[in-house]
Amino acid sequence: MKTQPGSVSEPAAESVALSPRRETDRVRIITETIVMVALAGALYLIKIFAGFFQKIPILGVGVGIAARFCSHLVSGVLFFASYAPAGVSPFVYSAVYNGGFLIPEFVITVALMIALVRVRALERYL
């Protein structure tokens, strides 16, 4: 069947309407963006209140890494769920993956902070 120049063929007209799956994906992307912006704002508040940890810097390290773990966990569940192996919950996968590098980072950072507190190197900057 020939179409007139400038007219829209039937398949092209049908592709303009969004499928339910595509509409769901658009809503999901918008929702995820709102959640990530809200988390970024919450983490910024934690940064503002970091002065509360001047007397106990190791507690500040713990709170900072715990907040980082929470933000990585949420982003892992929302954005990287497709990387989870079949049969594994995206929540569990994200927790194990992010805990795998944040726990050693916490241990190393606390060890360095203890050394800095003992030699009183932080007093110059706090």
PDB file of N, CA and C in Angstrom:
ATOM      1  N   MET A   1       0.831  -1.166   0.000  1.00  0.00           N
ATOM      2  CA  MET A   1       0.000   0.000   0.000  1.00  0.00           C
ATOM      3  C   MET A   1       0.887   1.243   0.000  1.00  0.00           C
ATOM      4  N   LYS A   2       0.661   2.136  -0.913  1.00  0.00           N
ATOM      5  CA  LYS A   2       1.455   3.353  -1.002  1.00  0.00           C
ATOM      6  C   LYS A   2       0.800   4.453  -0.177  1.00  0.00           C
ATOM      7  N   THR A   3       1.632   5.257   0.448  1.00  0.00           N
ATOM      8  CA  THR A   3       1.111   6.398   1.196  1.00  0.00           C
ATOM      9  C   THR A   3       1.425   7.679   0.451  1.00  0.00           C
ATOM     10  N   GLN A   4       0.642   8.661   0.693  1.00  0.00           N
ATOM     11  CA  GLN A   4       0.840   9.961   0.075  1.00  0.00           C
ATOM     12  C   GLN A   4       2.060  10.634   0.698  1.00  0.00           C
ATOM     13  N   PRO A   5       2.821  11.393  -0.065  1.00  0.00           N
ATOM     14  CA  PRO A   5       3.946  12.139   0.527  1.00  0.00           C
ATOM     15  C   PRO A   5       3.431  13.078   1.610  1.00  0.00           C
ATOM     16  N   GLY A   6       4.119  13.064   2.764  1.00  0.00           N
ATOM     17  CA  GLY A   6       3.735  13.936   3.865  1.00  0.00           C
ATOM     18  C   GLY A   6       2.730  13.320   4.808  1.00  0.00           C
ATOM     19  N   SER A   7       2.147  12.163   4.483  1.00  0.00           N
ATOM     20  CA  SER A   7       1.181  11.544   5.392  1.00  0.00           C
ATOM     21  C   SER A   7       1.912  10.585   6.320  1.00  0.00           C
ATOM     22  N   VAL A   8       1.274  10.246   7.408  1.00  0.00           N
ATOM     23  CA  VAL A   8       1.857   9.356   8.399  1.00  0.00           C
ATOM     24  C   VAL A   8       1.313   7.959   8.181  1.00  0.00           C
ATOM     25  N   SER A   9       2.215   6.997   8.084  1.00  0.00           N
ATOM     26  CA  SER A   9       1.762   5.617   7.903  1.00  0.00           C
ATOM     27  C   SER A   9       1.214   5.080   9.221  1.00  0.00           C
ATOM     28  N   GLU A  10       0.486   3.979   9.175  1.00  0.00           N
ATOM     29  CA  GLU A  10      -0.144   3.433  10.367  1.00  0.00           C
ATOM     30  C   GLU A  10       0.869   3.016  11.437  1.00  0.00           C
ATOM     31  N   PRO A  11       1.958   2.279  11.099  1.00  0.00           N
ATOM     32  CA  PRO A  11       2.902   1.903  12.158  1.00  0.00           C
ATOM     33  C   PRO A  11       3.536   3.106  12.835  1.00  0.00           C
ATOM     34  N   ALA A  12       3.817   4.159  12.092  1.00  0.00           N
ATOM     35  CA  ALA A  12       4.423   5.346  12.698  1.00  0.00           C
ATOM     36  C   ALA A  12       3.442   6.021  13.645  1.00  0.00           C
ATOM     37  N   ALA A  13       2.181   6.057  13.301  1.00  0.00           N
ATOM     38  CA  ALA A  13       1.179   6.676  14.164  1.00  0.00           C
ATOM     39  C   ALA A  13       1.015   5.874  15.454  1.00  0.00           C
ATOM     40  N   GLU A  14       1.116   4.559  15.376  1.00  0.00           N
ATOM     41  CA  GLU A  14       0.973   3.724  16.559  1.00  0.00           C
ATOM     42  C   GLU A  14       2.156   3.870  17.505  1.00  0.00           C
ATOM     43  N   SER A  15       3.352   4.124  16.972  1.00  0.00           N
ATOM     44  CA  SER A  15       4.535   4.201  17.823  1.00  0.00           C
ATOM     45  C   SER A  15       4.589   5.490  18.633  1.00  0.00           C
ATOM     46  N   VAL A  16       3.762   6.464  18.315  1.00  0.00           N
ATOM     47  CA  VAL A  16       3.751   7.722  19.054  1.00  0.00           C
ATOM     48  C   VAL A  16       3.202   7.511  20.460  1.00  0.00           C
ATOM     49  N   ALA A  17       2.198   6.667  20.620  1.00  0.00           N
ATOM     50  CA  ALA A  17       1.622   6.406  21.930  1.00  0.00           C
ATOM     51  C   ALA A  17       2.607   5.580  22.754  1.00  0.00           C
ATOM     52  N   LEU A  18       2.764   5.948  24.048  1.00  0.00           N
ATOM     53  CA  LEU A  18       3.670   5.233  24.921  1.00  0.00           C
ATOM     54  C   LEU A  18       3.040   3.940  25.416  1.00  0.00           C
ATOM     55  N   SER A  19       3.823   2.898  25.437  1.00  0.00           N
ATOM     56  CA  SER A  19       3.345   1.638  25.978  1.00  0.00           C
ATOM     57  C   SER A  19       3.267   1.751  27.499  1.00  0.00           C
ATOM     58  N   PRO A  20       2.489   0.904  28.167  1.00  0.00           N
ATOM     59  CA  PRO A  20       2.415   0.962  29.638  1.00  0.00           C
ATOM     60  C   PRO A  20       3.785   0.738  30.280  1.00  0.00           C
ATOM     61  N   ARG A  21       4.587  -0.126  29.695  1.00  0.00           N
ATOM     62  CA  ARG A  21       5.930  -0.380  30.242  1.00  0.00           C
ATOM     63  C   ARG A  21       6.796   0.869  30.151  1.00  0.00           C
ATOM     64  N   ARG A  22       6.721   1.547  29.031  1.00  0.00           N
ATOM     65  CA  ARG A  22       7.525   2.753  28.838  1.00  0.00           C
ATOM     66  C   ARG A  22       7.061   3.864  29.787  1.00  0.00           C
ATOM     67  N   GLU A  23       5.769   3.974  29.972  1.00  0.00           N
ATOM     68  CA  GLU A  23       5.232   4.974  30.902  1.00  0.00           C
ATOM     69  C   GLU A  23       5.668   4.667  32.327  1.00  0.00           C
ATOM     70  N   THR A  24       5.669   3.384  32.702  1.00  0.00           N
ATOM     71  CA  THR A  24       6.132   2.982  34.020  1.00  0.00           C
ATOM     72  C   THR A  24       7.603   3.329  34.205  1.00  0.00           C
ATOM     73  N   ASP A  25       8.405   3.099  33.180  1.00  0.00           N
ATOM     74  CA  ASP A  25       9.821   3.448  33.251  1.00  0.00           C
ATOM     75  C   ASP A  25      10.019   4.941  33.443  1.00  0.00           C
ATOM     76  N   ARG A  26       9.230   5.754  32.771  1.00  0.00           N
ATOM     77  CA  ARG A  26       9.355   7.211  32.919  1.00  0.00           C
ATOM     78  C   ARG A  26       9.022   7.636  34.342  1.00  0.00           C
ATOM     79  N   VAL A  27       7.949   7.073  34.911  1.00  0.00           N
ATOM     80  CA  VAL A  27       7.561   7.403  36.284  1.00  0.00           C
ATOM     81  C   VAL A  27       8.654   6.949  37.252  1.00  0.00           C
ATOM     82  N   ARG A  28       9.214   5.784  37.016  1.00  0.00           N
ATOM     83  CA  ARG A  28      10.272   5.251  37.882  1.00  0.00           C
ATOM     84  C   ARG A  28      11.500   6.154  37.855  1.00  0.00           C
ATOM     85  N   ILE A  29      11.891   6.615  36.684  1.00  0.00           N
ATOM     86  CA  ILE A  29      13.060   7.485  36.567  1.00  0.00           C
ATOM     87  C   ILE A  29      12.823   8.802  37.305  1.00  0.00           C
ATOM     88  N   ILE A  30      11.653   9.367  37.164  1.00  0.00           N
ATOM     89  CA  ILE A  30      11.336  10.617  37.864  1.00  0.00           C
ATOM     90  C   ILE A  30      11.348  10.403  39.374  1.00  0.00           C
ATOM     91  N   THR A  31      10.752   9.304  39.829  1.00  0.00           N
ATOM     92  CA  THR A  31      10.719   9.004  41.259  1.00  0.00           C
ATOM     93  C   THR A  31      12.122   8.792  41.806  1.00  0.00           C
ATOM     94  N   GLU A  32      12.950   8.046  41.088  1.00  0.00           N
ATOM     95  CA  GLU A  32      14.320   7.800  41.536  1.00  0.00           C
ATOM     96  C   GLU A  32      15.112   9.095  41.606  1.00  0.00           C
ATOM     97  N   THR A  33      14.895   9.979  40.671  1.00  0.00           N
ATOM     98  CA  THR A  33      15.598  11.256  40.684  1.00  0.00           C
ATOM     99  C   THR A  33      15.216  12.069  41.912  1.00  0.00           C
ATOM    100  N   ILE A  34      13.941  12.097  42.241  1.00  0.00           N
ATOM    101  CA  ILE A  34      13.482  12.833  43.421  1.00  0.00           C
ATOM    102  C   ILE A  34      14.091  12.246  44.686  1.00  0.00           C
ATOM    103  N   VAL A  35      14.137  10.918  44.784  1.00  0.00           N
ATOM    104  CA  VAL A  35      14.707  10.266  45.957  1.00  0.00           C
ATOM    105  C   VAL A  35      16.189  10.596  46.080  1.00  0.00           C
ATOM    106  N   MET A  36      16.927  10.559  44.979  1.00  0.00           N
ATOM    107  CA  MET A  36      18.359  10.841  45.040  1.00  0.00           C
ATOM    108  C   MET A  36      18.640  12.293  45.408  1.00  0.00           C
ATOM    109  N   VAL A  37      17.838  13.218  44.920  1.00  0.00           N
ATOM    110  CA  VAL A  37      18.011  14.624  45.294  1.00  0.00           C
ATOM    111  C   VAL A  37      17.727  14.806  46.784  1.00  0.00           C
ATOM    112  N   ALA A  38      16.705  14.133  47.290  1.00  0.00           N
ATOM    113  CA  ALA A  38      16.387  14.213  48.718  1.00  0.00           C
ATOM    114  C   ALA A  38      17.524  13.635  49.559  1.00  0.00           C
ATOM    115  N   LEU A  39      18.103  12.517  49.117  1.00  0.00           N
ATOM    116  CA  LEU A  39      19.222  11.935  49.847  1.00  0.00           C
ATOM    117  C   LEU A  39      20.441  12.850  49.816  1.00  0.00           C
ATOM    118  N   ALA A  40      20.679  13.481  48.685  1.00  0.00           N
ATOM    119  CA  ALA A  40      21.805  14.408  48.593  1.00  0.00           C
ATOM    120  C   ALA A  40      21.613  15.559  49.575  1.00  0.00           C
ATOM    121  N   GLY A  41      20.391  16.054  49.689  1.00  0.00           N
ATOM    122  CA  GLY A  41      20.108  17.111  50.656  1.00  0.00           C
ATOM    123  C   GLY A  41      20.328  16.651  52.088  1.00  0.00           C
ATOM    124  N   ALA A  42      19.916  15.435  52.389  1.00  0.00           N
ATOM    125  CA  ALA A  42      20.118  14.895  53.734  1.00  0.00           C
ATOM    126  C   ALA A  42      21.604  14.736  54.036  1.00  0.00           C
ATOM    127  N   LEU A  43      22.374  14.274  53.070  1.00  0.00           N
ATOM    128  CA  LEU A  43      23.812  14.125  53.277  1.00  0.00           C
ATOM    129  C   LEU A  43      24.490  15.479  53.433  1.00  0.00           C
ATOM    130  N   TYR A  44      23.978  16.503  52.754  1.00  0.00           N
ATOM    131  CA  TYR A  44      24.542  17.830  52.924  1.00  0.00           C
ATOM    132  C   TYR A  44      24.300  18.335  54.343  1.00  0.00           C
ATOM    133  N   LEU A  45      23.143  18.026  54.910  1.00  0.00           N
ATOM    134  CA  LEU A  45      22.876  18.406  56.299  1.00  0.00           C
ATOM    135  C   LEU A  45      23.855  17.723  57.243  1.00  0.00           C
ATOM    136  N   ILE A  46      24.178  16.477  56.955  1.00  0.00           N
ATOM    137  CA  ILE A  46      25.165  15.776  57.780  1.00  0.00           C
ATOM    138  C   ILE A  46      26.509  16.486  57.691  1.00  0.00           C
ATOM    139  N   LYS A  47      26.858  16.947  56.511  1.00  0.00           N
ATOM    140  CA  LYS A  47      28.118  17.683  56.330  1.00  0.00           C
ATOM    141  C   LYS A  47      28.104  18.982  57.137  1.00  0.00           C
ATOM    142  N   ILE A  48      26.961  19.665  57.174  1.00  0.00           N
ATOM    143  CA  ILE A  48      26.847  20.909  57.942  1.00  0.00           C
ATOM    144  C   ILE A  48      27.057  20.646  59.435  1.00  0.00           C
ATOM    145  N   PHE A  49      26.501  19.535  59.926  1.00  0.00           N
ATOM    146  CA  PHE A  49      26.591  19.226  61.340  1.00  0.00           C
ATOM    147  C   PHE A  49      27.862  18.469  61.712  1.00  0.00           C
ATOM    148  N   ALA A  50      28.827  18.415  60.811  1.00  0.00           N
ATOM    149  CA  ALA A  50      30.063  17.689  61.084  1.00  0.00           C
ATOM    150  C   ALA A  50      30.852  18.319  62.222  1.00  0.00           C
ATOM    151  N   GLY A  51      30.617  19.589  62.510  1.00  0.00           N
ATOM    152  CA  GLY A  51      31.313  20.255  63.613  1.00  0.00           C
ATOM    153  C   GLY A  51      31.015  19.639  64.962  1.00  0.00           C
ATOM    154  N   PHE A  52      29.920  18.907  65.085  1.00  0.00           N
ATOM    155  CA  PHE A  52      29.602  18.240  66.340  1.00  0.00           C
ATOM    156  C   PHE A  52      30.595  17.127  66.668  1.00  0.00           C
ATOM    157  N   PHE A  53      31.360  16.694  65.694  1.00  0.00           N
ATOM    158  CA  PHE A  53      32.258  15.568  65.901  1.00  0.00           C
ATOM    159  C   PHE A  53      33.705  16.003  66.111  1.00  0.00           C
ATOM    160  N   GLN A  54      33.923  17.264  66.462  1.00  0.00           N
ATOM    161  CA  GLN A  54      35.290  17.731  66.666  1.00  0.00           C
ATOM    162  C   GLN A  54      35.929  17.072  67.884  1.00  0.00           C
ATOM    163  N   LYS A  55      35.164  16.837  68.924  1.00  0.00           N
ATOM    164  CA  LYS A  55      35.713  16.221  70.144  1.00  0.00           C
ATOM    165  C   LYS A  55      35.933  14.716  69.974  1.00  0.00           C
ATOM    166  N   ILE A  56      35.080  14.073  69.168  1.00  0.00           N
ATOM    167  CA  ILE A  56      35.182  12.623  68.952  1.00  0.00           C
ATOM    168  C   ILE A  56      35.206  12.380  67.442  1.00  0.00           C
ATOM    169  N   PRO A  57      36.351  12.571  66.793  1.00  0.00           N
ATOM    170  CA  PRO A  57      36.402  12.437  65.331  1.00  0.00           C
ATOM    171  C   PRO A  57      36.118  11.022  64.831  1.00  0.00           C
ATOM    172  N   ILE A  58      36.381  10.022  65.641  1.00  0.00           N
ATOM    173  CA  ILE A  58      36.120   8.647  65.208  1.00  0.00           C
ATOM    174  C   ILE A  58      34.619   8.415  65.065  1.00  0.00           C
ATOM    175  N   LEU A  59      33.823   9.046  65.918  1.00  0.00           N
ATOM    176  CA  LEU A  59      32.377   8.963  65.786  1.00  0.00           C
ATOM    177  C   LEU A  59      31.921   9.628  64.485  1.00  0.00           C
ATOM    178  N   GLY A  60      32.571  10.725  64.140  1.00  0.00           N
ATOM    179  CA  GLY A  60      32.269  11.397  62.871  1.00  0.00           C
ATOM    180  C   GLY A  60      32.565  10.514  61.677  1.00  0.00           C
ATOM    181  N   VAL A  61      33.673   9.765  61.753  1.00  0.00           N
ATOM    182  CA  VAL A  61      34.011   8.826  60.681  1.00  0.00           C
ATOM    183  C   VAL A  61      32.926   7.762  60.570  1.00  0.00           C
ATOM    184  N   GLY A  62      32.478   7.238  61.708  1.00  0.00           N
ATOM    185  CA  GLY A  62      31.438   6.209  61.707  1.00  0.00           C
ATOM    186  C   GLY A  62      30.121   6.706  61.136  1.00  0.00           C
ATOM    187  N   VAL A  63      29.716   7.909  61.530  1.00  0.00           N
ATOM    188  CA  VAL A  63      28.462   8.474  61.024  1.00  0.00           C
ATOM    189  C   VAL A  63      28.583   8.760  59.529  1.00  0.00           C
ATOM    190  N   GLY A  64      29.723   9.294  59.107  1.00  0.00           N
ATOM    191  CA  GLY A  64      29.924   9.600  57.687  1.00  0.00           C
ATOM    192  C   GLY A  64      29.885   8.358  56.811  1.00  0.00           C
ATOM    193  N   ILE A  65      30.559   7.313  57.242  1.00  0.00           N
ATOM    194  CA  ILE A  65      30.577   6.092  56.433  1.00  0.00           C
ATOM    195  C   ILE A  65      29.220   5.394  56.493  1.00  0.00           C
ATOM    196  N   ALA A  66      28.527   5.479  57.630  1.00  0.00           N
ATOM    197  CA  ALA A  66      27.183   4.895  57.710  1.00  0.00           C
ATOM    198  C   ALA A  66      26.220   5.630  56.766  1.00  0.00           C
ATOM    199  N   ALA A  67      26.324   6.954  56.702  1.00  0.00           N
ATOM    200  CA  ALA A  67      25.482   7.721  55.775  1.00  0.00           C
ATOM    201  C   ALA A  67      25.837   7.386  54.332  1.00  0.00           C
ATOM    202  N   ARG A  68      27.118   7.229  54.072  1.00  0.00           N
ATOM    203  CA  ARG A  68      27.543   6.857  52.721  1.00  0.00           C
ATOM    204  C   ARG A  68      27.017   5.473  52.352  1.00  0.00           C
ATOM    205  N   PHE A  69      27.056   4.536  53.307  1.00  0.00           N
ATOM    206  CA  PHE A  69      26.522   3.199  53.058  1.00  0.00           C
ATOM    207  C   PHE A  69      25.032   3.273  52.727  1.00  0.00           C
ATOM    208  N   CYS A  70      24.294   4.092  53.482  1.00  0.00           N
ATOM    209  CA  CYS A  70      22.852   4.218  53.225  1.00  0.00           C
ATOM    210  C   CYS A  70      22.583   4.774  51.832  1.00  0.00           C
ATOM    211  N   SER A  71      23.318   5.804  51.445  1.00  0.00           N
ATOM    212  CA  SER A  71      23.084   6.382  50.112  1.00  0.00           C
ATOM    213  C   SER A  71      23.496   5.413  49.011  1.00  0.00           C
ATOM    214  N   HIS A  72      24.589   4.680  49.215  1.00  0.00           N
ATOM    215  CA  HIS A  72      25.011   3.691  48.215  1.00  0.00           C
ATOM    216  C   HIS A  72      24.021   2.533  48.153  1.00  0.00           C
ATOM    217  N   LEU A  73      23.480   2.150  49.298  1.00  0.00           N
ATOM    218  CA  LEU A  73      22.511   1.060  49.334  1.00  0.00           C
ATOM    219  C   LEU A  73      21.255   1.439  48.540  1.00  0.00           C
ATOM    220  N   VAL A  74      20.754   2.632  48.780  1.00  0.00           N
ATOM    221  CA  VAL A  74      19.543   3.076  48.074  1.00  0.00           C
ATOM    222  C   VAL A  74      19.807   3.190  46.576  1.00  0.00           C
ATOM    223  N   SER A  75      20.932   3.787  46.199  1.00  0.00           N
ATOM    224  CA  SER A  75      21.220   3.906  44.766  1.00  0.00           C
ATOM    225  C   SER A  75      21.451   2.537  44.140  1.00  0.00           C
ATOM    226  N   GLY A  76      22.033   1.614  44.886  1.00  0.00           N
ATOM    227  CA  GLY A  76      22.226   0.268  44.369  1.00  0.00           C
ATOM    228  C   GLY A  76      20.910  -0.444  44.117  1.00  0.00           C
ATOM    229  N   VAL A  77      19.966  -0.279  45.037  1.00  0.00           N
ATOM    230  CA  VAL A  77      18.661  -0.911  44.871  1.00  0.00           C
ATOM    231  C   VAL A  77      17.888  -0.253  43.728  1.00  0.00           C
ATOM    232  N   LEU A  78      17.958   1.070  43.640  1.00  0.00           N
ATOM    233  CA  LEU A  78      17.173   1.776  42.625  1.00  0.00           C
ATOM    234  C   LEU A  78      17.771   1.685  41.228  1.00  0.00           C
ATOM    235  N   PHE A  79      19.080   1.865  41.125  1.00  0.00           N
ATOM    236  CA  PHE A  79      19.693   1.998  39.812  1.00  0.00           C
ATOM    237  C   PHE A  79      20.429   0.754  39.316  1.00  0.00           C
ATOM    238  N   PHE A  80      20.934  -0.068  40.226  1.00  0.00           N
ATOM    239  CA  PHE A  80      21.771  -1.188  39.808  1.00  0.00           C
ATOM    240  C   PHE A  80      21.154  -2.543  40.138  1.00  0.00           C
ATOM    241  N   ALA A  81      19.854  -2.584  40.318  1.00  0.00           N
ATOM    242  CA  ALA A  81      19.176  -3.841  40.639  1.00  0.00           C
ATOM    243  C   ALA A  81      19.332  -4.861  39.520  1.00  0.00           C
ATOM    244  N   SER A  82      19.492  -4.411  38.296  1.00  0.00           N
ATOM    245  CA  SER A  82      19.609  -5.340  37.171  1.00  0.00           C
ATOM    246  C   SER A  82      20.909  -6.140  37.215  1.00  0.00           C
ATOM    247  N   TYR A  83      21.895  -5.696  37.984  1.00  0.00           N
ATOM    248  CA  TYR A  83      23.162  -6.420  38.089  1.00  0.00           C
ATOM    249  C   TYR A  83      23.123  -7.550  39.115  1.00  0.00           C
ATOM    250  N   ALA A  84      22.081  -7.589  39.927  1.00  0.00           N
ATOM    251  CA  ALA A  84      21.959  -8.646  40.932  1.00  0.00           C
ATOM    252  C   ALA A  84      21.764  -9.989  40.235  1.00  0.00           C
ATOM    253  N   PRO A  85      22.448 -11.032  40.704  1.00  0.00           N
ATOM    254  CA  PRO A  85      22.251 -12.356  40.104  1.00  0.00           C
ATOM    255  C   PRO A  85      20.802 -12.822  40.263  1.00  0.00           C
ATOM    256  N   ALA A  86      20.403 -13.715  39.403  1.00  0.00           N
ATOM    257  CA  ALA A  86      19.036 -14.246  39.444  1.00  0.00           C
ATOM    258  C   ALA A  86      18.779 -14.910  40.796  1.00  0.00           C
ATOM    259  N   GLY A  87      17.653 -14.605  41.379  1.00  0.00           N
ATOM    260  CA  GLY A  87      17.274 -15.201  42.651  1.00  0.00           C
ATOM    261  C   GLY A  87      17.800 -14.464  43.866  1.00  0.00           C
ATOM    262  N   VAL A  88      18.592 -13.409  43.674  1.00  0.00           N
ATOM    263  CA  VAL A  88      19.139 -12.644  44.793  1.00  0.00           C
ATOM    264  C   VAL A  88      18.413 -11.306  44.854  1.00  0.00           C
ATOM    265  N   SER A  89      17.973 -10.956  46.032  1.00  0.00           N
ATOM    266  CA  SER A  89      17.285  -9.684  46.214  1.00  0.00           C
ATOM    267  C   SER A  89      18.234  -8.525  45.901  1.00  0.00           C
ATOM    268  N   PRO A  90      17.783  -7.518  45.171  1.00  0.00           N
ATOM    269  CA  PRO A  90      18.642  -6.354  44.904  1.00  0.00           C
ATOM    270  C   PRO A  90      19.090  -5.663  46.192  1.00  0.00           C
ATOM    271  N   PHE A  91      18.253  -5.707  47.234  1.00  0.00           N
ATOM    272  CA  PHE A  91      18.620  -5.105  48.513  1.00  0.00           C
ATOM    273  C   PHE A  91      19.816  -5.846  49.128  1.00  0.00           C
ATOM    274  N   VAL A  92      19.742  -7.168  49.144  1.00  0.00           N
ATOM    275  CA  VAL A  92      20.831  -7.971  49.711  1.00  0.00           C
ATOM    276  C   VAL A  92      22.093  -7.809  48.862  1.00  0.00           C
ATOM    277  N   TYR A  93      21.941  -7.849  47.557  1.00  0.00           N
ATOM    278  CA  TYR A  93      23.089  -7.702  46.660  1.00  0.00           C
ATOM    279  C   TYR A  93      23.769  -6.351  46.868  1.00  0.00           C
ATOM    280  N   SER A  94      22.988  -5.289  46.959  1.00  0.00           N
ATOM    281  CA  SER A  94      23.550  -3.958  47.154  1.00  0.00           C
ATOM    282  C   SER A  94      24.228  -3.845  48.517  1.00  0.00           C
ATOM    283  N   ALA A  95      23.616  -4.429  49.550  1.00  0.00           N
ATOM    284  CA  ALA A  95      24.204  -4.379  50.893  1.00  0.00           C
ATOM    285  C   ALA A  95      25.538  -5.116  50.942  1.00  0.00           C
ATOM    286  N   VAL A  96      25.604  -6.296  50.348  1.00  0.00           N
ATOM    287  CA  VAL A  96      26.850  -7.076  50.346  1.00  0.00           C
ATOM    288  C   VAL A  96      27.919  -6.380  49.504  1.00  0.00           C
ATOM    289  N   TYR A  97      27.528  -5.899  48.346  1.00  0.00           N
ATOM    290  CA  TYR A  97      28.485  -5.233  47.455  1.00  0.00           C
ATOM    291  C   TYR A  97      29.076  -3.984  48.118  1.00  0.00           C
ATOM    292  N   ASN A  98      28.212  -3.111  48.641  1.00  0.00           N
ATOM    293  CA  ASN A  98      28.695  -1.873  49.232  1.00  0.00           C
ATOM    294  C   ASN A  98      29.376  -2.096  50.576  1.00  0.00           C
ATOM    295  N   GLY A  99      28.886  -3.057  51.344  1.00  0.00           N
ATOM    296  CA  GLY A  99      29.558  -3.389  52.597  1.00  0.00           C
ATOM    297  C   GLY A  99      30.942  -3.960  52.362  1.00  0.00           C
ATOM    298  N   GLY A 100      31.122  -4.612  51.222  1.00  0.00           N
ATOM    299  CA  GLY A 100      32.413  -5.219  50.897  1.00  0.00           C
ATOM    300  C   GLY A 100      33.548  -4.224  50.769  1.00  0.00           C
ATOM    301  N   PHE A 101      33.251  -2.987  50.413  1.00  0.00           N
ATOM    302  CA  PHE A 101      34.342  -2.007  50.350  1.00  0.00           C
ATOM    303  C   PHE A 101      34.220  -0.918  51.407  1.00  0.00           C
ATOM    304  N   LEU A 102      33.025  -0.701  51.960  1.00  0.00           N
ATOM    305  CA  LEU A 102      32.897   0.341  52.980  1.00  0.00           C
ATOM    306  C   LEU A 102      33.339  -0.135  54.365  1.00  0.00           C
ATOM    307  N   ILE A 103      33.185  -1.400  54.675  1.00  0.00           N
ATOM    308  CA  ILE A 103      33.661  -1.899  55.964  1.00  0.00           C
ATOM    309  C   ILE A 103      35.185  -1.833  56.046  1.00  0.00           C
ATOM    310  N   PRO A 104      35.932  -2.320  55.029  1.00  0.00           N
ATOM    311  CA  PRO A 104      37.385  -2.133  55.093  1.00  0.00           C
ATOM    312  C   PRO A 104      37.794  -0.653  55.109  1.00  0.00           C
ATOM    313  N   GLU A 105      37.063   0.178  54.387  1.00  0.00           N
ATOM    314  CA  GLU A 105      37.369   1.612  54.415  1.00  0.00           C
ATOM    315  C   GLU A 105      37.169   2.180  55.813  1.00  0.00           C
ATOM    316  N   PHE A 106      36.111   1.750  56.485  1.00  0.00           N
ATOM    317  CA  PHE A 106      35.863   2.194  57.854  1.00  0.00           C
ATOM    318  C   PHE A 106      37.008   1.771  58.770  1.00  0.00           C
ATOM    319  N   VAL A 107      37.439   0.524  58.673  1.00  0.00           N
ATOM    320  CA  VAL A 107      38.517   0.017  59.538  1.00  0.00           C
ATOM    321  C   VAL A 107      39.805   0.801  59.297  1.00  0.00           C
ATOM    322  N   ILE A 108      40.156   1.008  58.036  1.00  0.00           N
ATOM    323  CA  ILE A 108      41.386   1.739  57.707  1.00  0.00           C
ATOM    324  C   ILE A 108      41.291   3.189  58.186  1.00  0.00           C
ATOM    325  N   THR A 109      40.157   3.829  57.970  1.00  0.00           N
ATOM    326  CA  THR A 109      39.993   5.226  58.365  1.00  0.00           C
ATOM    327  C   THR A 109      40.025   5.383  59.877  1.00  0.00           C
ATOM    328  N   VAL A 110      39.390   4.474  60.606  1.00  0.00           N
ATOM    329  CA  VAL A 110      39.428   4.541  62.074  1.00  0.00           C
ATOM    330  C   VAL A 110      40.859   4.336  62.572  1.00  0.00           C
ATOM    331  N   ALA A 111      41.606   3.410  61.974  1.00  0.00           N
ATOM    332  CA  ALA A 111      42.993   3.202  62.378  1.00  0.00           C
ATOM    333  C   ALA A 111      43.821   4.467  62.154  1.00  0.00           C
ATOM    334  N   LEU A 112      43.626   5.118  61.022  1.00  0.00           N
ATOM    335  CA  LEU A 112      44.347   6.362  60.756  1.00  0.00           C
ATOM    336  C   LEU A 112      43.916   7.476  61.708  1.00  0.00           C
ATOM    337  N   MET A 113      42.624   7.551  62.012  1.00  0.00           N
ATOM    338  CA  MET A 113      42.145   8.585  62.934  1.00  0.00           C
ATOM    339  C   MET A 113      42.697   8.365  64.340  1.00  0.00           C
ATOM    340  N   ILE A 114      42.774   7.120  64.772  1.00  0.00           N
ATOM    341  CA  ILE A 114      43.354   6.829  66.091  1.00  0.00           C
ATOM    342  C   ILE A 114      44.803   7.285  66.125  1.00  0.00           C
ATOM    343  N   ALA A 115      45.541   6.995  65.051  1.00  0.00           N
ATOM    344  CA  ALA A 115      46.944   7.431  64.994  1.00  0.00           C
ATOM    345  C   ALA A 115      47.046   8.955  65.009  1.00  0.00           C
ATOM    346  N   LEU A 116      46.190   9.644  64.287  1.00  0.00           N
ATOM    347  CA  LEU A 116      46.215  11.102  64.254  1.00  0.00           C
ATOM    348  C   LEU A 116      45.819  11.709  65.599  1.00  0.00           C
ATOM    349  N   VAL A 117      44.865  11.083  66.295  1.00  0.00           N
ATOM    350  CA  VAL A 117      44.462  11.580  67.608  1.00  0.00           C
ATOM    351  C   VAL A 117      45.591  11.382  68.613  1.00  0.00           C
ATOM    352  N   ARG A 118      46.279  10.250  68.542  1.00  0.00           N
ATOM    353  CA  ARG A 118      47.372   9.974  69.495  1.00  0.00           C
ATOM    354  C   ARG A 118      48.539  10.937  69.341  1.00  0.00           C
ATOM    355  N   VAL A 119      48.860  11.314  68.127  1.00  0.00           N
ATOM    356  CA  VAL A 119      49.985  12.254  67.942  1.00  0.00           C
ATOM    357  C   VAL A 119      49.503  13.705  67.964  1.00  0.00           C
ATOM    358  N   ARG A 120      48.244  13.897  68.260  1.00  0.00           N
ATOM    359  CA  ARG A 120      47.626  15.224  68.381  1.00  0.00           C
ATOM    360  C   ARG A 120      47.776  16.055  67.114  1.00  0.00           C
ATOM    361  N   ALA A 121      47.738  15.396  65.984  1.00  0.00           N
ATOM    362  CA  ALA A 121      47.856  16.092  64.700  1.00  0.00           C
ATOM    363  C   ALA A 121      46.568  16.831  64.341  1.00  0.00           C
ATOM    364  N   LEU A 122      45.444  16.369  64.851  1.00  0.00           N
ATOM    365  CA  LEU A 122      44.177  17.005  64.519  1.00  0.00           C
ATOM    366  C   LEU A 122      43.934  18.305  65.271  1.00  0.00           C
ATOM    367  N   GLU A 123      44.617  18.502  66.376  1.00  0.00           N
ATOM    368  CA  GLU A 123      44.394  19.722  67.175  1.00  0.00           C
ATOM    369  C   GLU A 123      44.718  20.976  66.369  1.00  0.00           C
ATOM    370  N   ARG A 124      45.630  20.880  65.468  1.00  0.00           N
ATOM    371  CA  ARG A 124      46.006  22.022  64.636  1.00  0.00           C
ATOM    372  C   ARG A 124      44.858  22.444  63.716  1.00  0.00           C
ATOM    373  N   TYR A 125      44.058  21.490  63.281  1.00  0.00           N
ATOM    374  CA  TYR A 125      43.027  21.767  62.291  1.00  0.00           C
ATOM    375  C   TYR A 125      41.612  21.837  62.863  1.00  0.00           C
ATOM    376  N   LEU A 126      41.405  21.356  64.081  1.00  0.00           N
ATOM    377  CA  LEU A 126      40.058  21.379  64.663  1.00  0.00           C
ATOM    378  C   LEU A 126      39.933  22.458  65.641  1.00  0.00           C
TER     379      LEU A 126
END
